[in-house]
PDB file of all heavy atoms in Angstrom:
ATOM      1  N   THR A   1       0.801  -1.228   0.000  1.00  0.00           N
ATOM      2  CA  THR A   1       0.000   0.000   0.000  1.00  0.00           C
ATOM      3  C   THR A   1       0.831   1.274   0.000  1.00  0.00           C
ATOM      4  O   THR A   1       0.282   2.353  -0.194  1.00  0.00           O
ATOM      5  CB  THR A   1      -0.937   0.023   1.215  1.00  0.00           C
ATOM      6  OG1 THR A   1      -0.152  -0.055   2.415  1.00  0.00           O
ATOM      7  CG2 THR A   1      -1.904  -1.151   1.173  1.00  0.00           C
ATOM      8  N   LEU A   2       2.147   1.165   0.213  1.00  0.00           N
ATOM      9  CA  LEU A   2       3.008   2.350   0.236  1.00  0.00           C
ATOM     10  C   LEU A   2       4.380   1.948  -0.282  1.00  0.00           C
ATOM     11  O   LEU A   2       4.831   0.808  -0.093  1.00  0.00           O
ATOM     12  CB  LEU A   2       3.127   2.910   1.660  1.00  0.00           C
ATOM     13  CG  LEU A   2       3.889   4.228   1.834  1.00  0.00           C
ATOM     14  CD1 LEU A   2       3.105   5.387   1.204  1.00  0.00           C
ATOM     15  CD2 LEU A   2       4.141   4.529   3.313  1.00  0.00           C
ATOM     16  N   GLU A   3       5.035   2.879  -0.929  1.00  0.00           N
ATOM     17  CA  GLU A   3       6.373   2.637  -1.477  1.00  0.00           C
ATOM     18  C   GLU A   3       7.315   1.996  -0.462  1.00  0.00           C
ATOM     19  O   GLU A   3       7.465   2.493   0.652  1.00  0.00           O
ATOM     20  CB  GLU A   3       6.960   3.973  -1.940  1.00  0.00           C
ATOM     21  CG  GLU A   3       8.402   3.888  -2.407  1.00  0.00           C
ATOM     22  CD  GLU A   3       8.985   5.257  -2.738  1.00  0.00           C
ATOM     23  OE1 GLU A   3       8.297   6.273  -2.496  1.00  0.00           O
ATOM     24  OE2 GLU A   3      10.116   5.303  -3.235  1.00  0.00           O
ATOM     25  N   PRO A   4       7.969   0.901  -0.811  1.00  0.00           N
ATOM     26  CA  PRO A   4       8.950   0.300   0.103  1.00  0.00           C
ATOM     27  C   PRO A   4      10.086   1.267   0.406  1.00  0.00           C
ATOM     28  O   PRO A   4      10.563   1.983  -0.478  1.00  0.00           O
ATOM     29  CB  PRO A   4       9.444  -0.925  -0.674  1.00  0.00           C
ATOM     30  CG  PRO A   4       8.335  -1.247  -1.627  1.00  0.00           C
ATOM     31  CD  PRO A   4       7.759   0.088  -2.017  1.00  0.00           C
ATOM     32  N   CYS A   5      10.510   1.284   1.659  1.00  0.00           N
ATOM     33  CA  CYS A   5      11.559   2.219   2.062  1.00  0.00           C
ATOM     34  C   CYS A   5      12.900   1.795   1.484  1.00  0.00           C
ATOM     35  O   CYS A   5      13.141   0.620   1.196  1.00  0.00           O
ATOM     36  CB  CYS A   5      11.644   2.316   3.585  1.00  0.00           C
ATOM     37  SG  CYS A   5      12.040   0.761   4.397  1.00  0.00           S
ATOM     38  N   SER A   6      13.777   2.771   1.312  1.00  0.00           N
ATOM     39  CA  SER A   6      15.104   2.519   0.744  1.00  0.00           C
ATOM     40  C   SER A   6      16.212   2.970   1.683  1.00  0.00           C
ATOM     41  O   SER A   6      17.376   3.010   1.297  1.00  0.00           O
ATOM     42  CB  SER A   6      15.238   3.256  -0.596  1.00  0.00           C
ATOM     43  OG  SER A   6      14.974   4.651  -0.417  1.00  0.00           O
ATOM     44  N   HIS A   7      15.868   3.324   2.909  1.00  0.00           N
ATOM     45  CA  HIS A   7      16.854   3.824   3.864  1.00  0.00           C
ATOM     46  C   HIS A   7      16.812   2.961   5.127  1.00  0.00           C
ATOM     47  O   HIS A   7      15.845   2.251   5.386  1.00  0.00           O
ATOM     48  CB  HIS A   7      16.568   5.280   4.237  1.00  0.00           C
ATOM     49  CG  HIS A   7      15.319   5.455   5.055  1.00  0.00           C
ATOM     50  ND1 HIS A   7      14.049   5.225   4.547  1.00  0.00           N
ATOM     51  CD2 HIS A   7      15.125   5.808   6.356  1.00  0.00           C
ATOM     52  CE1 HIS A   7      13.145   5.441   5.486  1.00  0.00           C
ATOM     53  NE2 HIS A   7      13.764   5.784   6.595  1.00  0.00           N
ATOM     54  N   THR A   8      17.863   3.034   5.895  1.00  0.00           N
ATOM     55  CA  THR A   8      17.921   2.314   7.161  1.00  0.00           C
ATOM     56  C   THR A   8      17.470   3.242   8.277  1.00  0.00           C
ATOM     57  O   THR A   8      18.099   4.266   8.543  1.00  0.00           O
ATOM     58  CB  THR A   8      19.349   1.817   7.451  1.00  0.00           C
ATOM     59  OG1 THR A   8      19.739   0.927   6.401  1.00  0.00           O
ATOM     60  CG2 THR A   8      19.407   1.083   8.779  1.00  0.00           C
ATOM     61  N   GLY A   9      16.355   2.907   8.888  1.00  0.00           N
ATOM     62  CA  GLY A   9      15.864   3.659  10.041  1.00  0.00           C
ATOM     63  C   GLY A   9      15.913   2.754  11.249  1.00  0.00           C
ATOM     64  O   GLY A   9      16.968   2.267  11.648  1.00  0.00           O
ATOM     65  N   LYS A  10      14.728   2.482  11.818  1.00  0.00           N
ATOM     66  CA  LYS A  10      14.663   1.502  12.904  1.00  0.00           C
ATOM     67  C   LYS A  10      14.729   0.066  12.376  1.00  0.00           C
ATOM     68  O   LYS A  10      14.918  -0.872  13.134  1.00  0.00           O
ATOM     69  CB  LYS A  10      13.390   1.722  13.733  1.00  0.00           C
ATOM     70  CG  LYS A  10      13.407   3.018  14.536  1.00  0.00           C
ATOM     71  CD  LYS A  10      12.181   3.130  15.417  1.00  0.00           C
ATOM     72  CE  LYS A  10      12.253   4.399  16.269  1.00  0.00           C
ATOM     73  NZ  LYS A  10      13.360   4.372  17.225  1.00  0.00           N
ATOM     74  N   THR A  11      14.534  -0.076  11.043  1.00  0.00           N
ATOM     75  CA  THR A  11      14.609  -1.387  10.402  1.00  0.00           C
ATOM     76  C   THR A  11      15.386  -1.246   9.094  1.00  0.00           C
ATOM     77  O   THR A  11      15.507  -0.144   8.552  1.00  0.00           O
ATOM     78  CB  THR A  11      13.201  -1.936  10.106  1.00  0.00           C
ATOM     79  OG1 THR A  11      12.525  -1.021   9.235  1.00  0.00           O
ATOM     80  CG2 THR A  11      12.401  -2.112  11.387  1.00  0.00           C
ATOM     81  N   PRO A  12      15.899  -2.345   8.525  1.00  0.00           N
ATOM     82  CA  PRO A  12      16.617  -2.282   7.247  1.00  0.00           C
ATOM     83  C   PRO A  12      15.688  -1.908   6.099  1.00  0.00           C
ATOM     84  O   PRO A  12      14.463  -2.014   6.211  1.00  0.00           O
ATOM     85  CB  PRO A  12      17.171  -3.703   7.084  1.00  0.00           C
ATOM     86  CG  PRO A  12      17.119  -4.310   8.440  1.00  0.00           C
ATOM     87  CD  PRO A  12      15.955  -3.684   9.129  1.00  0.00           C
ATOM     88  N   PRO A  13      16.254  -1.505   4.953  1.00  0.00           N
ATOM     89  CA  PRO A  13      15.425  -1.088   3.816  1.00  0.00           C
ATOM     90  C   PRO A  13      14.604  -2.248   3.244  1.00  0.00           C
ATOM     91  O   PRO A  13      15.133  -3.330   2.981  1.00  0.00           O
ATOM     92  CB  PRO A  13      16.455  -0.589   2.789  1.00  0.00           C
ATOM     93  CG  PRO A  13      17.699  -0.337   3.558  1.00  0.00           C
ATOM     94  CD  PRO A  13      17.695  -1.301   4.699  1.00  0.00           C
ATOM     95  N   CYS A  14      13.336  -2.010   3.026  1.00  0.00           N
ATOM     96  CA  CYS A  14      12.473  -3.046   2.451  1.00  0.00           C
ATOM     97  C   CYS A  14      12.774  -3.255   0.967  1.00  0.00           C
ATOM     98  O   CYS A  14      12.566  -4.359   0.444  1.00  0.00           O
ATOM     99  CB  CYS A  14      11.005  -2.676   2.658  1.00  0.00           C
ATOM    100  SG  CYS A  14      10.490  -2.747   4.390  1.00  0.00           S
ATOM    101  N   ALA A  15      13.240  -2.219   0.285  1.00  0.00           N
ATOM    102  CA  ALA A  15      13.615  -2.387  -1.117  1.00  0.00           C
ATOM    103  C   ALA A  15      14.725  -3.420  -1.249  1.00  0.00           C
ATOM    104  O   ALA A  15      14.717  -4.247  -2.180  1.00  0.00           O
ATOM    105  CB  ALA A  15      14.048  -1.049  -1.711  1.00  0.00           C
ATOM    106  N   ASP A  16      15.675  -3.407  -0.333  1.00  0.00           N
ATOM    107  CA  ASP A  16      16.757  -4.396  -0.364  1.00  0.00           C
ATOM    108  C   ASP A  16      16.224  -5.805  -0.144  1.00  0.00           C
ATOM    109  O   ASP A  16      16.705  -6.769  -0.762  1.00  0.00           O
ATOM    110  CB  ASP A  16      17.804  -4.073   0.703  1.00  0.00           C
ATOM    111  CG  ASP A  16      18.643  -2.853   0.350  1.00  0.00           C
ATOM    112  OD1 ASP A  16      18.412  -2.276  -0.737  1.00  0.00           O
ATOM    113  OD2 ASP A  16      19.518  -2.469   1.151  1.00  0.00           O
ATOM    114  N   LEU A  17      15.232  -5.952   0.745  1.00  0.00           N
ATOM    115  CA  LEU A  17      14.642  -7.265   0.991  1.00  0.00           C
ATOM    116  C   LEU A  17      13.995  -7.810  -0.280  1.00  0.00           C
ATOM    117  O   LEU A  17      14.149  -8.991  -0.616  1.00  0.00           O
ATOM    118  CB  LEU A  17      13.596  -7.165   2.107  1.00  0.00           C
ATOM    119  CG  LEU A  17      12.757  -8.419   2.368  1.00  0.00           C
ATOM    120  CD1 LEU A  17      13.627  -9.527   2.971  1.00  0.00           C
ATOM    121  CD2 LEU A  17      11.586  -8.098   3.298  1.00  0.00           C
ATOM    122  N   ILE A  18      13.266  -6.961  -1.005  1.00  0.00           N
ATOM    123  CA  ILE A  18      12.605  -7.375  -2.242  1.00  0.00           C
ATOM    124  C   ILE A  18      13.640  -7.833  -3.271  1.00  0.00           C
ATOM    125  O   ILE A  18      13.465  -8.864  -3.939  1.00  0.00           O
ATOM    126  CB  ILE A  18      11.751  -6.212  -2.786  1.00  0.00           C
ATOM    127  CG1 ILE A  18      10.575  -5.946  -1.842  1.00  0.00           C
ATOM    128  CG2 ILE A  18      11.256  -6.511  -4.203  1.00  0.00           C
ATOM    129  CD1 ILE A  18       9.820  -4.672  -2.134  1.00  0.00           C
ATOM    130  N   LEU A  19      14.735  -7.085  -3.367  1.00  0.00           N
ATOM    131  CA  LEU A  19      15.783  -7.462  -4.315  1.00  0.00           C
ATOM    132  C   LEU A  19      16.486  -8.737  -3.873  1.00  0.00           C
ATOM    133  O   LEU A  19      16.811  -9.598  -4.705  1.00  0.00           O
ATOM    134  CB  LEU A  19      16.784  -6.313  -4.458  1.00  0.00           C
ATOM    135  CG  LEU A  19      16.233  -5.009  -5.049  1.00  0.00           C
ATOM    136  CD1 LEU A  19      17.313  -3.941  -5.079  1.00  0.00           C
ATOM    137  CD2 LEU A  19      15.685  -5.247  -6.446  1.00  0.00           C
ATOM    138  N   ASP A  20      16.711  -8.874  -2.573  1.00  0.00           N
ATOM    139  CA  ASP A  20      17.386 -10.070  -2.064  1.00  0.00           C
ATOM    140  C   ASP A  20      16.580 -11.327  -2.346  1.00  0.00           C
ATOM    141  O   ASP A  20      17.154 -12.394  -2.650  1.00  0.00           O
ATOM    142  CB  ASP A  20      17.628  -9.917  -0.567  1.00  0.00           C
ATOM    143  CG  ASP A  20      18.322 -11.125   0.040  1.00  0.00           C
ATOM    144  OD1 ASP A  20      19.517 -11.327  -0.260  1.00  0.00           O
ATOM    145  OD2 ASP A  20      17.660 -11.865   0.800  1.00  0.00           O
ATOM    146  N   ARG A  21      15.248 -11.243  -2.239  1.00  0.00           N
ATOM    147  CA  ARG A  21      14.382 -12.403  -2.496  1.00  0.00           C
ATOM    148  C   ARG A  21      14.024 -12.542  -3.975  1.00  0.00           C
ATOM    149  O   ARG A  21      13.266 -13.420  -4.348  1.00  0.00           O
ATOM    150  CB  ARG A  21      13.107 -12.308  -1.658  1.00  0.00           C
ATOM    151  CG  ARG A  21      13.309 -12.338  -0.155  1.00  0.00           C
ATOM    152  CD  ARG A  21      14.105 -13.553   0.306  1.00  0.00           C
ATOM    153  NE  ARG A  21      13.997 -13.769   1.738  1.00  0.00           N
ATOM    154  CZ  ARG A  21      14.762 -13.175   2.662  1.00  0.00           C
ATOM    155  NH1 ARG A  21      15.706 -12.327   2.280  1.00  0.00           N
ATOM    156  NH2 ARG A  21      14.596 -13.425   3.945  1.00  0.00           N
ATOM    157  N   LYS A  22      14.557 -11.639  -4.804  1.00  0.00           N
ATOM    158  CA  LYS A  22      14.375 -11.683  -6.259  1.00  0.00           C
ATOM    159  C   LYS A  22      12.907 -11.653  -6.669  1.00  0.00           C
ATOM    160  O   LYS A  22      12.485 -12.307  -7.643  1.00  0.00           O
ATOM    161  CB  LYS A  22      15.067 -12.920  -6.840  1.00  0.00           C
ATOM    162  CG  LYS A  22      16.581 -12.919  -6.651  1.00  0.00           C
ATOM    163  CD  LYS A  22      17.232 -14.144  -7.267  1.00  0.00           C
ATOM    164  CE  LYS A  22      18.750 -14.037  -7.252  1.00  0.00           C
ATOM    165  NZ  LYS A  22      19.330 -13.749  -5.925  1.00  0.00           N
ATOM    166  N   ILE A  23      12.101 -10.886  -5.929  1.00  0.00           N
ATOM    167  CA  ILE A  23      10.686 -10.708  -6.285  1.00  0.00           C
ATOM    168  C   ILE A  23      10.634  -9.841  -7.541  1.00  0.00           C
ATOM    169  O   ILE A  23      11.131  -8.712  -7.542  1.00  0.00           O
ATOM    170  CB  ILE A  23       9.917 -10.065  -5.121  1.00  0.00           C
ATOM    171  CG1 ILE A  23       9.957 -10.999  -3.898  1.00  0.00           C
ATOM    172  CG2 ILE A  23       8.484  -9.741  -5.521  1.00  0.00           C
ATOM    173  CD1 ILE A  23       9.474 -10.372  -2.606  1.00  0.00           C
ATOM    174  N   PRO A  24      10.048 -10.329  -8.634  1.00  0.00           N
ATOM    175  CA  PRO A  24      10.192  -9.646  -9.924  1.00  0.00           C
ATOM    176  C   PRO A  24       9.220  -8.499 -10.185  1.00  0.00           C
ATOM    177  O   PRO A  24       9.469  -7.663 -11.058  1.00  0.00           O
ATOM    178  CB  PRO A  24       9.953 -10.766 -10.933  1.00  0.00           C
ATOM    179  CG  PRO A  24       8.977 -11.674 -10.233  1.00  0.00           C
ATOM    180  CD  PRO A  24       9.365 -11.630  -8.777  1.00  0.00           C
ATOM    181  N   ARG A  25       8.102  -8.471  -9.442  1.00  0.00           N
ATOM    182  CA  ARG A  25       7.088  -7.459  -9.743  1.00  0.00           C
ATOM    183  C   ARG A  25       6.527  -6.907  -8.442  1.00  0.00           C
ATOM    184  O   ARG A  25       6.240  -7.655  -7.509  1.00  0.00           O
ATOM    185  CB  ARG A  25       5.953  -8.064 -10.576  1.00  0.00           C
ATOM    186  CG  ARG A  25       4.876  -7.044 -10.964  1.00  0.00           C
ATOM    187  CD  ARG A  25       3.925  -7.609 -12.022  1.00  0.00           C
ATOM    188  NE  ARG A  25       2.965  -6.596 -12.418  1.00  0.00           N
ATOM    189  CZ  ARG A  25       1.647  -6.673 -12.222  1.00  0.00           C
ATOM    190  NH1 ARG A  25       1.132  -7.736 -11.619  1.00  0.00           N
ATOM    191  NH2 ARG A  25       0.845  -5.719 -12.617  1.00  0.00           N
ATOM    192  N   VAL A  26       6.353  -5.587  -8.396  1.00  0.00           N
ATOM    193  CA  VAL A  26       5.813  -4.919  -7.213  1.00  0.00           C
ATOM    194  C   VAL A  26       4.725  -3.944  -7.661  1.00  0.00           C
ATOM    195  O   VAL A  26       4.935  -3.144  -8.582  1.00  0.00           O
ATOM    196  CB  VAL A  26       6.918  -4.160  -6.434  1.00  0.00           C
ATOM    197  CG1 VAL A  26       6.323  -3.445  -5.225  1.00  0.00           C
ATOM    198  CG2 VAL A  26       8.020  -5.117  -6.006  1.00  0.00           C
ATOM    199  N   VAL A  27       3.573  -4.021  -7.019  1.00  0.00           N
ATOM    200  CA  VAL A  27       2.455  -3.113  -7.281  1.00  0.00           C
ATOM    201  C   VAL A  27       2.278  -2.238  -6.037  1.00  0.00           C
ATOM    202  O   VAL A  27       2.084  -2.756  -4.938  1.00  0.00           O
ATOM    203  CB  VAL A  27       1.159  -3.887  -7.586  1.00  0.00           C
ATOM    204  CG1 VAL A  27      -0.008  -2.919  -7.780  1.00  0.00           C
ATOM    205  CG2 VAL A  27       1.347  -4.761  -8.812  1.00  0.00           C
ATOM    206  N   ILE A  28       2.332  -0.922  -6.214  1.00  0.00           N
ATOM    207  CA  ILE A  28       2.353   0.030  -5.103  1.00  0.00           C
ATOM    208  C   ILE A  28       1.181   0.995  -5.246  1.00  0.00           C
ATOM    209  O   ILE A  28       0.938   1.532  -6.333  1.00  0.00           O
ATOM    210  CB  ILE A  28       3.681   0.822  -5.093  1.00  0.00           C
ATOM    211  CG1 ILE A  28       4.874  -0.131  -4.961  1.00  0.00           C
ATOM    212  CG2 ILE A  28       3.698   1.872  -3.978  1.00  0.00           C
ATOM    213  CD1 ILE A  28       6.210   0.534  -5.259  1.00  0.00           C
ATOM    214  N   ALA A  29       0.472   1.238  -4.145  1.00  0.00           N
ATOM    215  CA  ALA A  29      -0.640   2.187  -4.207  1.00  0.00           C
ATOM    216  C   ALA A  29      -0.152   3.603  -4.486  1.00  0.00           C
ATOM    217  O   ALA A  29      -0.673   4.296  -5.361  1.00  0.00           O
ATOM    218  CB  ALA A  29      -1.444   2.144  -2.913  1.00  0.00           C
ATOM    219  N   HIS A  30       0.855   4.051  -3.737  1.00  0.00           N
ATOM    220  CA  HIS A  30       1.391   5.397  -3.991  1.00  0.00           C
ATOM    221  C   HIS A  30       2.771   5.555  -3.388  1.00  0.00           C
ATOM    222  O   HIS A  30       3.186   4.784  -2.512  1.00  0.00           O
ATOM    223  CB  HIS A  30       0.444   6.488  -3.479  1.00  0.00           C
ATOM    224  CG  HIS A  30       0.299   6.547  -1.990  1.00  0.00           C
ATOM    225  ND1 HIS A  30       1.097   7.332  -1.180  1.00  0.00           N
ATOM    226  CD2 HIS A  30      -0.567   5.932  -1.149  1.00  0.00           C
ATOM    227  CE1 HIS A  30       0.727   7.186   0.078  1.00  0.00           C
ATOM    228  NE2 HIS A  30      -0.283   6.337   0.136  1.00  0.00           N
ATOM    229  N   ALA A  31       3.481   6.556  -3.877  1.00  0.00           N
ATOM    230  CA  ALA A  31       4.821   6.847  -3.390  1.00  0.00           C
ATOM    231  C   ALA A  31       4.762   7.426  -1.982  1.00  0.00           C
ATOM    232  O   ALA A  31       3.751   8.004  -1.567  1.00  0.00           O
ATOM    233  CB  ALA A  31       5.519   7.822  -4.336  1.00  0.00           C
ATOM    234  N   ASP A  32       5.859   7.288  -1.259  1.00  0.00           N
ATOM    235  CA  ASP A  32       5.966   7.795   0.107  1.00  0.00           C
ATOM    236  C   ASP A  32       6.575   9.193   0.064  1.00  0.00           C
ATOM    237  O   ASP A  32       7.709   9.362  -0.386  1.00  0.00           O
ATOM    238  CB  ASP A  32       6.858   6.846   0.914  1.00  0.00           C
ATOM    239  CG  ASP A  32       6.922   7.200   2.401  1.00  0.00           C
ATOM    240  OD1 ASP A  32       6.551   8.336   2.762  1.00  0.00           O
ATOM    241  OD2 ASP A  32       7.350   6.343   3.187  1.00  0.00           O
ATOM    242  N   PRO A  33       5.846  10.234   0.525  1.00  0.00           N
ATOM    243  CA  PRO A  33       6.397  11.591   0.468  1.00  0.00           C
ATOM    244  C   PRO A  33       7.414  11.893   1.561  1.00  0.00           C
ATOM    245  O   PRO A  33       8.023  12.971   1.550  1.00  0.00           O
ATOM    246  CB  PRO A  33       5.152  12.472   0.638  1.00  0.00           C
ATOM    247  CG  PRO A  33       4.248  11.643   1.501  1.00  0.00           C
ATOM    248  CD  PRO A  33       4.480  10.208   1.063  1.00  0.00           C
ATOM    249  N   PHE A  34       7.611  10.982   2.526  1.00  0.00           N
ATOM    250  CA  PHE A  34       8.580  11.220   3.588  1.00  0.00           C
ATOM    251  C   PHE A  34       9.953  11.448   2.969  1.00  0.00           C
ATOM    252  O   PHE A  34      10.379  10.718   2.063  1.00  0.00           O
ATOM    253  CB  PHE A  34       8.605  10.024   4.540  1.00  0.00           C
ATOM    254  CG  PHE A  34       9.520  10.190   5.716  1.00  0.00           C
ATOM    255  CD1 PHE A  34       9.358  11.243   6.603  1.00  0.00           C
ATOM    256  CD2 PHE A  34      10.551   9.291   5.931  1.00  0.00           C
ATOM    257  CE1 PHE A  34      10.204  11.399   7.694  1.00  0.00           C
ATOM    258  CE2 PHE A  34      11.394   9.437   7.021  1.00  0.00           C
ATOM    259  CZ  PHE A  34      11.228  10.490   7.901  1.00  0.00           C
ATOM    260  N   SER A  35      10.670  12.464   3.451  1.00  0.00           N
ATOM    261  CA  SER A  35      11.895  12.916   2.793  1.00  0.00           C
ATOM    262  C   SER A  35      12.959  11.832   2.666  1.00  0.00           C
ATOM    263  O   SER A  35      13.750  11.832   1.722  1.00  0.00           O
ATOM    264  CB  SER A  35      12.475  14.117   3.547  1.00  0.00           C
ATOM    265  OG  SER A  35      12.775  13.763   4.887  1.00  0.00           O
ATOM    266  N   GLU A  36      12.990  10.877   3.593  1.00  0.00           N
ATOM    267  CA  GLU A  36      13.996   9.826   3.532  1.00  0.00           C
ATOM    268  C   GLU A  36      13.674   8.766   2.474  1.00  0.00           C
ATOM    269  O   GLU A  36      14.527   7.943   2.136  1.00  0.00           O
ATOM    270  CB  GLU A  36      14.127   9.150   4.905  1.00  0.00           C
ATOM    271  CG  GLU A  36      14.665  10.055   6.000  1.00  0.00           C
ATOM    272  CD  GLU A  36      16.106  10.446   5.752  1.00  0.00           C
ATOM    273  OE1 GLU A  36      16.851   9.648   5.154  1.00  0.00           O
ATOM    274  OE2 GLU A  36      16.497  11.561   6.141  1.00  0.00           O
ATOM    275  N   VAL A  37      12.442   8.790   1.954  1.00  0.00           N
ATOM    276  CA  VAL A  37      12.051   7.825   0.928  1.00  0.00           C
ATOM    277  C   VAL A  37      11.826   8.576  -0.381  1.00  0.00           C
ATOM    278  O   VAL A  37      12.663   8.551  -1.269  1.00  0.00           O
ATOM    279  CB  VAL A  37      10.794   7.041   1.349  1.00  0.00           C
ATOM    280  CG1 VAL A  37      10.484   5.934   0.340  1.00  0.00           C
ATOM    281  CG2 VAL A  37      10.963   6.451   2.740  1.00  0.00           C
ATOM    282  N   ALA A  38      10.660   9.240  -0.496  1.00  0.00           N
ATOM    283  CA  ALA A  38      10.365  10.182  -1.587  1.00  0.00           C
ATOM    284  C   ALA A  38      10.755   9.677  -2.965  1.00  0.00           C
ATOM    285  O   ALA A  38      11.465  10.340  -3.718  1.00  0.00           O
ATOM    286  CB  ALA A  38      11.044  11.520  -1.296  1.00  0.00           C
ATOM    287  N   GLY A  39      10.326   8.456  -3.320  1.00  0.00           N
ATOM    288  CA  GLY A  39      10.572   7.929  -4.647  1.00  0.00           C
ATOM    289  C   GLY A  39      11.848   7.121  -4.794  1.00  0.00           C
ATOM    290  O   GLY A  39      12.036   6.437  -5.816  1.00  0.00           O
TER     291      GLY A  39
END
Protein backbone atom coordinates (compact mmCIF):
# COMPACT_ATOMS: atom_id res chain seq x y z
CA THR A 1 0.00 0.00 0.00
CA LEU A 2 3.01 2.35 0.24
CA GLU A 3 6.37 2.64 -1.48
CA PRO A 4 8.95 0.30 0.10
CA CYS A 5 11.56 2.22 2.06
CA SER A 6 15.10 2.52 0.74
CA HIS A 7 16.85 3.82 3.86
CA THR A 8 17.92 2.31 7.16
CA GLY A 9 15.86 3.66 10.04
CA LYS A 10 14.66 1.50 12.90
CA THR A 11 14.61 -1.39 10.40
CA PRO A 12 16.62 -2.28 7.25
CA PRO A 13 15.42 -1.09 3.82
CA CYS A 14 12.47 -3.05 2.45
CA ALA A 15 13.61 -2.39 -1.12
CA ASP A 16 16.76 -4.40 -0.36
CA LEU A 17 14.64 -7.27 0.99
CA ILE A 18 12.61 -7.38 -2.24
CA LEU A 19 15.78 -7.46 -4.32
CA ASP A 20 17.39 -10.07 -2.06
CA ARG A 21 14.38 -12.40 -2.50
CA LYS A 22 14.38 -11.68 -6.26
CA ILE A 23 10.69 -10.71 -6.28
CA PRO A 24 10.19 -9.65 -9.92
CA ARG A 25 7.09 -7.46 -9.74
CA VAL A 26 5.81 -4.92 -7.21
CA VAL A 27 2.45 -3.11 -7.28
CA ILE A 28 2.35 0.03 -5.10
CA ALA A 29 -0.64 2.19 -4.21
CA HIS A 30 1.39 5.40 -3.99
CA ALA A 31 4.82 6.85 -3.39
CA ASP A 32 5.97 7.79 0.11
CA PRO A 33 6.40 11.59 0.47
CA PHE A 34 8.58 11.22 3.59
CA SER A 35 11.90 12.92 2.79
CA GLU A 36 14.00 9.83 3.53
CA VAL A 37 12.05 7.82 0.93
CA ALA A 38 10.37 10.18 -1.59
CA GLY A 39 10.57 7.93 -4.65
